């Protein structure tokens, strides 16, 4: 090779190297500085090139080859390992190093709160409205007793898990199966309710299922904290006397849709949950009670109260006799005029 051709070859090699370096640096930059974070699914078992191709197709990175080289380089230096198949929160405003070292460190997680008193259906609606990618139907189907009966130490007296889906704030990875979400919530119930209150549950005249049912009634009836144990005492006193509980919340549960105000005709709806028609407790919980109401069910106040009506301030007025109760109703009505 002549000296001239050699020099030309060297120059071409330098140009290619310079161009490659420029392209590599360009490919490491954000694909869209103004882009928003999106939920991206990255496959497992198809290799790094498949992941790079997905990110390029989604507009997350500028270059699939650059991402591939960068990822392989960082794997060799101990920066990252193989990824599990999962969903990740990734933005095109992130550089490739940020994606590799930060975004791909942990799968996408969502925090979701279920308030005290939510029903199974309300929980299913909230999950379906989130981006956990669980449908309402899938959650309802998973929330059956046989889903978790082999995973907990207590037994169920109902087919579904109404009452045992413990109200709390949870974090779940996007794509978590519905049955795993259900299992986490029921295990939380077992830990915070069953394990922490074993002596009281064992010494109660009622089964765990009945206690959870009582707690659900308290949850739906009590509007202020101080009323919980008093309402519990009314329930216990009426059960001991064989009186019908006549709790409006059970009628609401029996109706196809919630009503702001019950009519007299609603009190005659035929349902085993209608405690105006049927004595004793309803067949099961009418919602998922919180810890305070579960504790009130385990430890009712010692009173002679048999009646209560909600007052203008949200607190209930409690009475021992029906004439007293009628006076309390009149007082409550006058206060709201």
C-alpha atoms as a PDB file:
ATOM      1  CA  UNK A   1       0.000   0.000   0.000  1.00  0.00           C
ATOM      2  CA  UNK A   2       1.384   3.385  -0.917  1.00  0.00           C
ATOM      3  CA  UNK A   3       1.973   5.982   1.723  1.00  0.00           C
ATOM      4  CA  UNK A   4      -0.830   8.107   0.277  1.00  0.00           C
ATOM      5  CA  UNK A   5      -3.392   5.296   0.426  1.00  0.00           C
ATOM      6  CA  UNK A   6      -2.290   4.480   3.967  1.00  0.00           C
ATOM      7  CA  UNK A   7      -2.863   8.062   5.046  1.00  0.00           C
ATOM      8  CA  UNK A   8      -6.277   8.076   3.378  1.00  0.00           C
ATOM      9  CA  UNK A   9      -7.203   4.838   5.166  1.00  0.00           C
ATOM     10  CA  UNK A  10      -6.125   6.298   8.494  1.00  0.00           C
ATOM     11  CA  UNK A  11      -8.159   9.435   7.878  1.00  0.00           C
ATOM     12  CA  UNK A  12     -11.235   7.402   6.908  1.00  0.00           C
ATOM     13  CA  UNK A  13     -10.857   5.284  10.030  1.00  0.00           C
ATOM     14  CA  UNK A  14     -10.599   8.419  12.140  1.00  0.00           C
ATOM     15  CA  UNK A  15     -13.655   9.885  10.461  1.00  0.00           C
ATOM     16  CA  UNK A  16     -15.624   6.690  11.073  1.00  0.00           C
ATOM     17  CA  UNK A  17     -14.469   6.621  14.687  1.00  0.00           C
ATOM     18  CA  UNK A  18     -15.327  10.276  15.156  1.00  0.00           C
ATOM     19  CA  UNK A  19     -18.687   9.761  13.498  1.00  0.00           C
ATOM     20  CA  UNK A  20     -19.397   6.708  15.655  1.00  0.00           C
ATOM     21  CA  UNK A  21     -18.434   8.602  18.808  1.00  0.00           C
ATOM     22  CA  UNK A  22     -20.635  11.520  17.774  1.00  0.00           C
ATOM     23  CA  UNK A  23     -23.523   9.142  17.002  1.00  0.00           C
ATOM     24  CA  UNK A  24     -23.039   7.337  20.315  1.00  0.00           C
ATOM     25  CA  UNK A  25     -23.060  10.599  22.288  1.00  0.00           C
ATOM     26  CA  UNK A  26     -26.082  11.781  20.306  1.00  0.00           C
ATOM     27  CA  UNK A  27     -27.895   8.509  20.976  1.00  0.00           C
ATOM     28  CA  UNK A  28     -27.337   8.843  24.739  1.00  0.00           C
ATOM     29  CA  UNK A  29     -29.262  12.125  24.878  1.00  0.00           C
ATOM     30  CA  UNK A  30     -33.005  12.350  25.681  1.00  0.00           C
ATOM     31  CA  UNK A  31     -35.249  11.528  22.739  1.00  0.00           C
ATOM     32  CA  UNK A  32     -37.689  14.282  23.734  1.00  0.00           C
ATOM     33  CA  UNK A  33     -36.714  16.802  26.444  1.00  0.00           C
ATOM     34  CA  UNK A  34     -40.387  17.739  26.888  1.00  0.00           C
ATOM     35  CA  UNK A  35     -41.685  14.154  26.917  1.00  0.00           C
ATOM     36  CA  UNK A  36     -43.841  12.806  29.742  1.00  0.00           C
ATOM     37  CA  UNK A  37     -43.293   9.666  31.761  1.00  0.00           C
ATOM     38  CA  UNK A  38     -45.108   6.659  30.359  1.00  0.00           C
ATOM     39  CA  UNK A  39     -45.755   3.105  31.440  1.00  0.00           C
ATOM     40  CA  UNK A  40     -43.713   0.774  29.251  1.00  0.00           C
ATOM     41  CA  UNK A  41     -43.706  -3.021  29.277  1.00  0.00           C
ATOM     42  CA  UNK A  42     -40.303  -4.596  28.659  1.00  0.00           C
ATOM     43  CA  UNK A  43     -40.160  -8.304  27.769  1.00  0.00           C
ATOM     44  CA  UNK A  44     -37.967 -10.904  29.421  1.00  0.00           C
ATOM     45  CA  UNK A  45     -36.000 -13.659  27.746  1.00  0.00           C
ATOM     46  CA  UNK A  46     -35.828 -12.006  24.339  1.00  0.00           C
ATOM     47  CA  UNK A  47     -32.494 -10.291  24.901  1.00  0.00           C
ATOM     48  CA  UNK A  48     -31.337  -6.719  25.330  1.00  0.00           C
ATOM     49  CA  UNK A  49     -31.892  -5.975  21.662  1.00  0.00           C
ATOM     50  CA  UNK A  50     -35.617  -6.675  22.065  1.00  0.00           C
ATOM     51  CA  UNK A  51     -35.739  -4.180  24.966  1.00  0.00           C
ATOM     52  CA  UNK A  52     -33.805  -1.606  22.937  1.00  0.00           C
ATOM     53  CA  UNK A  53     -36.203  -2.106  20.029  1.00  0.00           C
ATOM     54  CA  UNK A  54     -39.249  -1.572  22.255  1.00  0.00           C
ATOM     55  CA  UNK A  55     -37.793   1.637  23.681  1.00  0.00           C
ATOM     56  CA  UNK A  56     -36.987   2.953  20.222  1.00  0.00           C
ATOM     57  CA  UNK A  57     -40.438   2.003  18.905  1.00  0.00           C
ATOM     58  CA  UNK A  58     -42.055   3.831  21.844  1.00  0.00           C
ATOM     59  CA  UNK A  59     -39.921   6.920  21.178  1.00  0.00           C
ATOM     60  CA  UNK A  60     -38.179   6.612  24.532  1.00  0.00           C
ATOM     61  CA  UNK A  61     -34.636   6.486  23.124  1.00  0.00           C
ATOM     62  CA  UNK A  62     -33.087   7.927  19.981  1.00  0.00           C
ATOM     63  CA  UNK A  63     -31.230   4.821  18.896  1.00  0.00           C
ATOM     64  CA  UNK A  64     -31.738   1.131  19.605  1.00  0.00           C
ATOM     65  CA  UNK A  65     -28.082   0.274  18.782  1.00  0.00           C
ATOM     66  CA  UNK A  66     -26.792   2.964  21.167  1.00  0.00           C
ATOM     67  CA  UNK A  67     -29.039   1.733  23.983  1.00  0.00           C
ATOM     68  CA  UNK A  68     -27.939  -1.841  23.312  1.00  0.00           C
ATOM     69  CA  UNK A  69     -24.225  -0.930  23.454  1.00  0.00           C
ATOM     70  CA  UNK A  70     -24.677   1.243  26.543  1.00  0.00           C
ATOM     71  CA  UNK A  71     -26.637  -1.451  28.360  1.00  0.00           C
ATOM     72  CA  UNK A  72     -24.077  -4.125  27.531  1.00  0.00           C
ATOM     73  CA  UNK A  73     -21.251  -1.826  28.623  1.00  0.00           C
ATOM     74  CA  UNK A  74     -22.881  -1.119  31.970  1.00  0.00           C
ATOM     75  CA  UNK A  75     -23.621  -4.832  32.473  1.00  0.00           C
ATOM     76  CA  UNK A  76     -19.903  -5.593  32.113  1.00  0.00           C
ATOM     77  CA  UNK A  77     -19.010  -2.905  34.629  1.00  0.00           C
ATOM     78  CA  UNK A  78     -21.513  -4.229  37.165  1.00  0.00           C
ATOM     79  CA  UNK A  79     -23.991  -1.385  36.713  1.00  0.00           C
ATOM     80  CA  UNK A  80     -27.076  -3.450  35.970  1.00  0.00           C
ATOM     81  CA  UNK A  81     -28.145  -7.051  35.535  1.00  0.00           C
ATOM     82  CA  UNK A  82     -30.729  -8.841  33.468  1.00  0.00           C
ATOM     83  CA  UNK A  83     -34.192  -7.283  33.681  1.00  0.00           C
ATOM     84  CA  UNK A  84     -37.323  -9.145  34.747  1.00  0.00           C
ATOM     85  CA  UNK A  85     -40.329  -8.867  32.494  1.00  0.00           C
ATOM     86  CA  UNK A  86     -42.204  -5.953  33.964  1.00  0.00           C
ATOM     87  CA  UNK A  87     -43.709  -2.500  33.546  1.00  0.00           C
ATOM     88  CA  UNK A  88     -41.485   0.525  34.061  1.00  0.00           C
ATOM     89  CA  UNK A  89     -42.092   4.263  34.337  1.00  0.00           C
ATOM     90  CA  UNK A  90     -39.821   5.736  31.668  1.00  0.00           C
ATOM     91  CA  UNK A  91     -39.713   9.164  30.045  1.00  0.00           C
ATOM     92  CA  UNK A  92     -38.270  10.226  26.690  1.00  0.00           C
ATOM     93  CA  UNK A  93     -36.929  13.220  28.608  1.00  0.00           C
ATOM     94  CA  UNK A  94     -34.475  10.855  30.332  1.00  0.00           C
ATOM     95  CA  UNK A  95     -31.021  10.188  28.941  1.00  0.00           C
ATOM     96  CA  UNK A  96     -29.983   6.595  28.276  1.00  0.00           C
ATOM     97  CA  UNK A  97     -27.731   6.493  31.398  1.00  0.00           C
ATOM     98  CA  UNK A  98     -30.669   7.761  33.493  1.00  0.00           C
ATOM     99  CA  UNK A  99     -32.939   5.097  32.055  1.00  0.00           C
ATOM    100  CA  UNK A 100     -30.403   2.340  32.719  1.00  0.00           C
ATOM    101  CA  UNK A 101     -29.278   3.411  36.175  1.00  0.00           C
ATOM    102  CA  UNK A 102     -32.487   4.905  37.529  1.00  0.00           C
ATOM    103  CA  UNK A 103     -35.664   4.052  35.646  1.00  0.00           C
ATOM    104  CA  UNK A 104     -34.861   0.370  35.181  1.00  0.00           C
ATOM    105  CA  UNK A 105     -33.781  -0.165  38.779  1.00  0.00           C
ATOM    106  CA  UNK A 106     -37.313  -0.875  39.986  1.00  0.00           C
ATOM    107  CA  UNK A 107     -40.537  -1.885  38.197  1.00  0.00           C
ATOM    108  CA  UNK A 108     -43.382   0.633  38.177  1.00  0.00           C
ATOM    109  CA  UNK A 109     -45.228   0.727  41.509  1.00  0.00           C
ATOM    110  CA  UNK A 110     -48.545   2.339  42.328  1.00  0.00           C
ATOM    111  CA  UNK A 111     -49.725   3.478  45.755  1.00  0.00           C
ATOM    112  CA  UNK A 112     -53.441   2.991  46.327  1.00  0.00           C
ATOM    113  CA  UNK A 113     -55.567   3.706  49.402  1.00  0.00           C
ATOM    114  CA  UNK A 114     -58.752   1.907  50.389  1.00  0.00           C
ATOM    115  CA  UNK A 115     -60.672   3.863  53.071  1.00  0.00           C
ATOM    116  CA  UNK A 116     -62.446   2.229  55.984  1.00  0.00           C
ATOM    117  CA  UNK A 117     -65.958   1.184  55.024  1.00  0.00           C
ATOM    118  CA  UNK A 118     -65.316   0.520  51.343  1.00  0.00           C
ATOM    119  CA  UNK A 119     -67.232  -2.453  50.002  1.00  0.00           C
ATOM    120  CA  UNK A 120     -65.620  -5.150  47.898  1.00  0.00           C
ATOM    121  CA  UNK A 121     -67.200  -3.567  44.815  1.00  0.00           C
ATOM    122  CA  UNK A 122     -65.898  -0.104  45.707  1.00  0.00           C
ATOM    123  CA  UNK A 123     -62.409  -1.544  46.128  1.00  0.00           C
ATOM    124  CA  UNK A 124     -62.738  -3.267  42.754  1.00  0.00           C
ATOM    125  CA  UNK A 125     -63.837   0.013  41.161  1.00  0.00           C
ATOM    126  CA  UNK A 126     -60.859   1.887  42.602  1.00  0.00           C
ATOM    127  CA  UNK A 127     -58.428  -0.775  41.412  1.00  0.00           C
ATOM    128  CA  UNK A 128     -59.962  -0.771  37.943  1.00  0.00           C
ATOM    129  CA  UNK A 129     -59.654   3.039  37.817  1.00  0.00           C
ATOM    130  CA  UNK A 130     -55.949   2.854  38.670  1.00  0.00           C
ATOM    131  CA  UNK A 131     -53.289   1.723  36.207  1.00  0.00           C
ATOM    132  CA  UNK A 132     -52.554  -1.525  38.022  1.00  0.00           C
ATOM    133  CA  UNK A 133     -53.991  -3.187  34.896  1.00  0.00           C
ATOM    134  CA  UNK A 134     -56.531  -5.238  36.887  1.00  0.00           C
ATOM    135  CA  UNK A 135     -60.118  -5.195  35.687  1.00  0.00           C
ATOM    136  CA  UNK A 136     -63.057  -4.868  38.050  1.00  0.00           C
ATOM    137  CA  UNK A 137     -64.296  -8.330  37.105  1.00  0.00           C
ATOM    138  CA  UNK A 138     -60.874  -9.906  37.620  1.00  0.00           C
ATOM    139  CA  UNK A 139     -60.639  -8.479  41.137  1.00  0.00           C
ATOM    140  CA  UNK A 140     -64.167  -9.515  42.115  1.00  0.00           C
ATOM    141  CA  UNK A 141     -63.497 -13.036  40.867  1.00  0.00           C
ATOM    142  CA  UNK A 142     -60.212 -13.166  42.790  1.00  0.00           C
ATOM    143  CA  UNK A 143     -61.865 -11.909  45.992  1.00  0.00           C
ATOM    144  CA  UNK A 144     -63.337 -15.290  46.860  1.00  0.00           C
ATOM    145  CA  UNK A 145     -62.581 -17.160  50.044  1.00  0.00           C
ATOM    146  CA  UNK A 146     -61.034 -20.091  48.211  1.00  0.00           C
ATOM    147  CA  UNK A 147     -58.400 -17.715  46.775  1.00  0.00           C
ATOM    148  CA  UNK A 148     -56.665 -17.371  50.138  1.00  0.00           C
ATOM    149  CA  UNK A 149     -58.090 -20.090  52.390  1.00  0.00           C
ATOM    150  CA  UNK A 150     -54.832 -22.053  52.240  1.00  0.00           C
ATOM    151  CA  UNK A 151     -52.716 -18.973  52.954  1.00  0.00           C
ATOM    152  CA  UNK A 152     -54.244 -17.809  56.258  1.00  0.00           C
ATOM    153  CA  UNK A 153     -54.792 -19.331  59.677  1.00  0.00           C
ATOM    154  CA  UNK A 154     -58.458 -18.422  60.077  1.00  0.00           C
ATOM    155  CA  UNK A 155     -61.467 -19.917  58.324  1.00  0.00           C
ATOM    156  CA  UNK A 156     -64.232 -18.209  56.380  1.00  0.00           C
ATOM    157  CA  UNK A 157     -67.980 -18.509  56.757  1.00  0.00           C
ATOM    158  CA  UNK A 158     -68.759 -16.867  53.428  1.00  0.00           C
ATOM    159  CA  UNK A 159     -67.892 -17.322  49.785  1.00  0.00           C
ATOM    160  CA  UNK A 160     -66.355 -13.909  49.177  1.00  0.00           C
ATOM    161  CA  UNK A 161     -63.896 -11.801  51.168  1.00  0.00           C
ATOM    162  CA  UNK A 162     -66.179  -8.878  52.009  1.00  0.00           C
ATOM    163  CA  UNK A 163     -65.020  -7.674  55.429  1.00  0.00           C
ATOM    164  CA  UNK A 164     -61.537  -9.204  55.222  1.00  0.00           C
ATOM    165  CA  UNK A 165     -59.946  -6.835  52.670  1.00  0.00           C
ATOM    166  CA  UNK A 166     -58.202  -4.672  55.232  1.00  0.00           C
ATOM    167  CA  UNK A 167     -58.495  -0.904  54.603  1.00  0.00           C
ATOM    168  CA  UNK A 168     -55.020   0.571  54.257  1.00  0.00           C
ATOM    169  CA  UNK A 169     -52.588   2.188  51.848  1.00  0.00           C
ATOM    170  CA  UNK A 170     -50.785  -0.355  49.691  1.00  0.00           C
ATOM    171  CA  UNK A 171     -48.071  -0.361  47.061  1.00  0.00           C
ATOM    172  CA  UNK A 172     -48.319  -2.834  44.206  1.00  0.00           C
ATOM    173  CA  UNK A 173     -46.139  -3.311  41.152  1.00  0.00           C
ATOM    174  CA  UNK A 174     -48.031  -2.625  37.942  1.00  0.00           C
ATOM    175  CA  UNK A 175     -49.076  -5.943  36.460  1.00  0.00           C
ATOM    176  CA  UNK A 176     -49.459  -7.701  39.827  1.00  0.00           C
ATOM    177  CA  UNK A 177     -52.125 -10.425  39.432  1.00  0.00           C
ATOM    178  CA  UNK A 178     -55.475  -9.793  41.110  1.00  0.00           C
ATOM    179  CA  UNK A 179     -55.141 -12.815  43.402  1.00  0.00           C
ATOM    180  CA  UNK A 180     -51.842 -11.453  44.781  1.00  0.00           C
ATOM    181  CA  UNK A 181     -53.473  -8.104  45.584  1.00  0.00           C
ATOM    182  CA  UNK A 182     -56.285  -9.934  47.379  1.00  0.00           C
ATOM    183  CA  UNK A 183     -53.801 -12.112  49.277  1.00  0.00           C
ATOM    184  CA  UNK A 184     -51.819  -9.088  50.482  1.00  0.00           C
ATOM    185  CA  UNK A 185     -54.968  -7.377  51.789  1.00  0.00           C
ATOM    186  CA  UNK A 186     -56.246 -10.472  53.590  1.00  0.00           C
ATOM    187  CA  UNK A 187     -52.812 -11.206  55.071  1.00  0.00           C
ATOM    188  CA  UNK A 188     -52.809  -7.637  56.367  1.00  0.00           C
ATOM    189  CA  UNK A 189     -56.163  -8.351  58.030  1.00  0.00           C
ATOM    190  CA  UNK A 190     -54.753 -11.492  59.606  1.00  0.00           C
ATOM    191  CA  UNK A 191     -51.700  -9.640  60.944  1.00  0.00           C
ATOM    192  CA  UNK A 192     -53.412  -6.529  62.302  1.00  0.00           C
ATOM    193  CA  UNK A 193     -56.698  -8.027  63.446  1.00  0.00           C
ATOM    194  CA  UNK A 194     -56.470 -11.763  64.071  1.00  0.00           C
ATOM    195  CA  UNK A 195     -52.924 -12.074  65.408  1.00  0.00           C
ATOM    196  CA  UNK A 196     -53.087  -8.892  67.502  1.00  0.00           C
ATOM    197  CA  UNK A 197     -56.461  -9.725  69.075  1.00  0.00           C
ATOM    198  CA  UNK A 198     -56.374 -13.481  69.555  1.00  0.00           C
ATOM    199  CA  UNK A 199     -57.372 -13.478  73.283  1.00  0.00           C
ATOM    200  CA  UNK A 200     -60.343 -11.145  72.707  1.00  0.00           C
ATOM    201  CA  UNK A 201     -61.526 -13.121  69.687  1.00  0.00           C
ATOM    202  CA  UNK A 202     -61.211 -16.423  71.538  1.00  0.00           C
ATOM    203  CA  UNK A 203     -63.156 -15.094  74.551  1.00  0.00           C
ATOM    204  CA  UNK A 204     -65.926 -13.451  72.516  1.00  0.00           C
ATOM    205  CA  UNK A 205     -69.365 -15.086  72.419  1.00  0.00           C
ATOM    206  CA  UNK A 206     -69.308 -14.472  68.678  1.00  0.00           C
ATOM    207  CA  UNK A 207     -67.242 -16.037  65.915  1.00  0.00           C
ATOM    208  CA  UNK A 208     -64.663 -14.041  63.976  1.00  0.00           C
ATOM    209  CA  UNK A 209     -67.094 -13.813  61.062  1.00  0.00           C
ATOM    210  CA  UNK A 210     -69.802 -12.436  63.330  1.00  0.00           C
ATOM    211  CA  UNK A 211     -67.366  -9.965  64.899  1.00  0.00           C
ATOM    212  CA  UNK A 212     -66.322  -8.698  61.475  1.00  0.00           C
ATOM    213  CA  UNK A 213     -70.002  -8.400  60.563  1.00  0.00           C
ATOM    214  CA  UNK A 214     -70.681  -6.349  63.707  1.00  0.00           C
ATOM    215  CA  UNK A 215     -67.648  -4.169  62.950  1.00  0.00           C
ATOM    216  CA  UNK A 216     -68.954  -3.536  59.419  1.00  0.00           C
ATOM    217  CA  UNK A 217     -72.289  -2.358  60.846  1.00  0.00           C
ATOM    218  CA  UNK A 218     -70.472   0.006  63.212  1.00  0.00           C
ATOM    219  CA  UNK A 219     -68.313   1.278  60.344  1.00  0.00           C
ATOM    220  CA  UNK A 220     -71.318   2.179  58.252  1.00  0.00           C
ATOM    221  CA  UNK A 221     -73.300   3.713  61.143  1.00  0.00           C
ATOM    222  CA  UNK A 222     -70.737   5.664  63.202  1.00  0.00           C
ATOM    223  CA  UNK A 223     -69.926   9.190  62.052  1.00  0.00           C
ATOM    224  CA  UNK A 224     -67.742  10.302  64.965  1.00  0.00           C
ATOM    225  CA  UNK A 225     -65.100   8.322  66.829  1.00  0.00           C
ATOM    226  CA  UNK A 226     -66.743   8.376  70.246  1.00  0.00           C
ATOM    227  CA  UNK A 227     -69.906   6.699  68.928  1.00  0.00           C
ATOM    228  CA  UNK A 228     -68.245   3.454  67.804  1.00  0.00           C
ATOM    229  CA  UNK A 229     -68.240   1.579  71.112  1.00  0.00           C
ATOM    230  CA  UNK A 230     -71.679   2.981  71.996  1.00  0.00           C
ATOM    231  CA  UNK A 231     -73.175   1.724  68.736  1.00  0.00           C
ATOM    232  CA  UNK A 232     -71.452  -1.585  69.410  1.00  0.00           C
ATOM    233  CA  UNK A 233     -73.163  -1.722  72.797  1.00  0.00           C
ATOM    234  CA  UNK A 234     -76.579  -1.158  71.169  1.00  0.00           C
ATOM    235  CA  UNK A 235     -75.947  -4.025  68.751  1.00  0.00           C
ATOM    236  CA  UNK A 236     -74.876  -6.355  71.568  1.00  0.00           C
ATOM    237  CA  UNK A 237     -77.810  -5.347  73.781  1.00  0.00           C
ATOM    238  CA  UNK A 238     -80.340  -5.915  71.003  1.00  0.00           C
ATOM    239  CA  UNK A 239     -78.834  -9.278  70.061  1.00  0.00           C
ATOM    240  CA  UNK A 240     -78.993 -10.421  73.687  1.00  0.00           C
ATOM    241  CA  UNK A 241     -82.660  -9.448  73.900  1.00  0.00           C
ATOM    242  CA  UNK A 242     -83.546 -11.010  70.560  1.00  0.00           C
ATOM    243  CA  UNK A 243     -84.560  -7.639  69.135  1.00  0.00           C
ATOM    244  CA  UNK A 244     -84.250  -6.826  65.460  1.00  0.00           C
ATOM    245  CA  UNK A 245     -81.225  -4.610  64.882  1.00  0.00           C
ATOM    246  CA  UNK A 246     -83.131  -2.262  62.518  1.00  0.00           C
ATOM    247  CA  UNK A 247     -79.929  -0.765  61.105  1.00  0.00           C
ATOM    248  CA  UNK A 248     -80.383   1.417  58.046  1.00  0.00           C
ATOM    249  CA  UNK A 249     -76.964   0.510  56.643  1.00  0.00           C
ATOM    250  CA  UNK A 250     -78.069  -3.098  56.181  1.00  0.00           C
ATOM    251  CA  UNK A 251     -81.022  -1.924  54.108  1.00  0.00           C
ATOM    252  CA  UNK A 252     -78.699   0.194  51.978  1.00  0.00           C
ATOM    253  CA  UNK A 253     -76.608  -2.914  51.415  1.00  0.00           C
ATOM    254  CA  UNK A 254     -79.689  -4.827  50.300  1.00  0.00           C
ATOM    255  CA  UNK A 255     -80.764  -2.167  47.796  1.00  0.00           C
ATOM    256  CA  UNK A 256     -79.400  -2.246  44.233  1.00  0.00           C
ATOM    257  CA  UNK A 257     -78.116   1.338  44.585  1.00  0.00           C
ATOM    258  CA  UNK A 258     -77.263   3.601  47.520  1.00  0.00           C
ATOM    259  CA  UNK A 259     -79.905   6.167  48.482  1.00  0.00           C
ATOM    260  CA  UNK A 260     -79.302   9.478  50.222  1.00  0.00           C
ATOM    261  CA  UNK A 261     -82.459   8.910  52.233  1.00  0.00           C
ATOM    262  CA  UNK A 262     -84.337   5.683  52.850  1.00  0.00           C
ATOM    263  CA  UNK A 263     -88.089   5.525  52.378  1.00  0.00           C
ATOM    264  CA  UNK A 264     -90.472   3.417  54.479  1.00  0.00           C
ATOM    265  CA  UNK A 265     -90.966   1.200  51.445  1.00  0.00           C
ATOM    266  CA  UNK A 266     -87.207   0.515  51.395  1.00  0.00           C
ATOM    267  CA  UNK A 267     -87.407  -0.942  54.886  1.00  0.00           C
ATOM    268  CA  UNK A 268     -89.589  -3.723  53.510  1.00  0.00           C
ATOM    269  CA  UNK A 269     -87.148  -4.888  50.818  1.00  0.00           C
ATOM    270  CA  UNK A 270     -86.822  -8.664  51.046  1.00  0.00           C
ATOM    271  CA  UNK A 271     -83.230  -9.594  51.784  1.00  0.00           C
ATOM    272  CA  UNK A 272     -81.443 -11.575  54.494  1.00  0.00           C
ATOM    273  CA  UNK A 273     -79.446  -8.376  55.029  1.00  0.00           C
ATOM    274  CA  UNK A 274     -82.545  -6.354  55.927  1.00  0.00           C
ATOM    275  CA  UNK A 275     -82.351  -6.194  59.714  1.00  0.00           C
ATOM    276  CA  UNK A 276     -85.753  -4.496  59.851  1.00  0.00           C
ATOM    277  CA  UNK A 277     -87.309  -7.761  58.674  1.00  0.00           C
ATOM    278  CA  UNK A 278     -84.921 -10.380  60.074  1.00  0.00           C
ATOM    279  CA  UNK A 279     -83.656 -10.726  63.630  1.00  0.00           C
ATOM    280  CA  UNK A 280     -80.014 -11.337  64.407  1.00  0.00           C
ATOM    281  CA  UNK A 281     -76.967 -10.409  62.385  1.00  0.00           C
ATOM    282  CA  UNK A 282     -77.008 -10.300  58.591  1.00  0.00           C
ATOM    283  CA  UNK A 283     -75.311 -13.235  56.824  1.00  0.00           C
ATOM    284  CA  UNK A 284     -71.981 -11.421  56.560  1.00  0.00           C
ATOM    285  CA  UNK A 285     -70.147  -8.090  56.597  1.00  0.00           C
ATOM    286  CA  UNK A 286     -71.653  -5.239  54.589  1.00  0.00           C
ATOM    287  CA  UNK A 287     -68.285  -3.512  54.057  1.00  0.00           C
ATOM    288  CA  UNK A 288     -64.626  -3.774  55.011  1.00  0.00           C
ATOM    289  CA  UNK A 289     -64.295  -2.192  58.462  1.00  0.00           C
ATOM    290  CA  UNK A 290     -61.220  -0.433  59.779  1.00  0.00           C
ATOM    291  CA  UNK A 291     -59.268  -1.341  62.885  1.00  0.00           C
ATOM    292  CA  UNK A 292     -61.110   1.110  65.173  1.00  0.00           C
ATOM    293  CA  UNK A 293     -64.493  -0.449  64.383  1.00  0.00           C
ATOM    294  CA  UNK A 294     -63.104  -3.972  64.705  1.00  0.00           C
ATOM    295  CA  UNK A 295     -61.806  -3.044  68.148  1.00  0.00           C
ATOM    296  CA  UNK A 296     -65.216  -1.552  69.023  1.00  0.00           C
ATOM    297  CA  UNK A 297     -66.854  -4.827  68.005  1.00  0.00           C
ATOM    298  CA  UNK A 298     -64.461  -6.695  70.295  1.00  0.00           C
ATOM    299  CA  UNK A 299     -64.915  -4.265  73.169  1.00  0.00           C
ATOM    300  CA  UNK A 300     -68.371  -2.638  73.265  1.00  0.00           C
ATOM    301  CA  UNK A 301     -69.164  -0.003  75.873  1.00  0.00           C
ATOM    302  CA  UNK A 302     -71.156  -1.190  78.866  1.00  0.00           C
ATOM    303  CA  UNK A 303     -74.522   0.553  78.527  1.00  0.00           C
ATOM    304  CA  UNK A 304     -78.257  -0.089  78.635  1.00  0.00           C
ATOM    305  CA  UNK A 305     -78.805   1.684  75.314  1.00  0.00           C
ATOM    306  CA  UNK A 306     -81.146   0.072  72.804  1.00  0.00           C
ATOM    307  CA  UNK A 307     -81.694   2.939  70.360  1.00  0.00           C
ATOM    308  CA  UNK A 308     -79.821   5.739  68.632  1.00  0.00           C
ATOM    309  CA  UNK A 309     -80.487   8.461  66.096  1.00  0.00           C
ATOM    310  CA  UNK A 310     -78.010  10.752  64.376  1.00  0.00           C
ATOM    311  CA  UNK A 311     -78.016  14.354  65.579  1.00  0.00           C
ATOM    312  CA  UNK A 312     -77.433  17.566  63.668  1.00  0.00           C
ATOM    313  CA  UNK A 313     -73.690  17.545  64.456  1.00  0.00           C
ATOM    314  CA  UNK A 314     -73.200  13.992  63.166  1.00  0.00           C
ATOM    315  CA  UNK A 315     -72.965  12.475  66.639  1.00  0.00           C
ATOM    316  CA  UNK A 316     -75.688  10.034  67.685  1.00  0.00           C
ATOM    317  CA  UNK A 317     -78.195  10.472  70.498  1.00  0.00           C
ATOM    318  CA  UNK A 318     -78.544   7.234  72.460  1.00  0.00           C
ATOM    319  CA  UNK A 319     -81.615   6.105  74.388  1.00  0.00           C
ATOM    320  CA  UNK A 320     -82.567   3.264  76.717  1.00  0.00           C
ATOM    321  CA  UNK A 321     -86.292   3.184  76.014  1.00  0.00           C
ATOM    322  CA  UNK A 322     -88.482   3.684  72.961  1.00  0.00           C
ATOM    323  CA  UNK A 323     -90.249   6.794  74.397  1.00  0.00           C
ATOM    324  CA  UNK A 324     -86.819   8.343  75.010  1.00  0.00           C
ATOM    325  CA  UNK A 325     -85.882   7.429  71.464  1.00  0.00           C
ATOM    326  CA  UNK A 326     -88.961   9.176  70.048  1.00  0.00           C
ATOM    327  CA  UNK A 327     -88.022  12.325  71.968  1.00  0.00           C
ATOM    328  CA  UNK A 328     -84.470  12.085  70.597  1.00  0.00           C
ATOM    329  CA  UNK A 329     -85.813  11.750  67.041  1.00  0.00           C
ATOM    330  CA  UNK A 330     -87.920  14.894  67.522  1.00  0.00           C
ATOM    331  CA  UNK A 331     -84.927  16.767  68.901  1.00  0.00           C
ATOM    332  CA  UNK A 332     -82.760  15.706  65.977  1.00  0.00           C
ATOM    333  CA  UNK A 333     -85.381  16.755  63.440  1.00  0.00           C
ATOM    334  CA  UNK A 334     -85.892  20.166  65.026  1.00  0.00           C
ATOM    335  CA  UNK A 335     -82.145  20.775  65.032  1.00  0.00           C
ATOM    336  CA  UNK A 336     -81.929  20.173  61.276  1.00  0.00           C
ATOM    337  CA  UNK A 337     -84.784  22.512  60.299  1.00  0.00           C
END
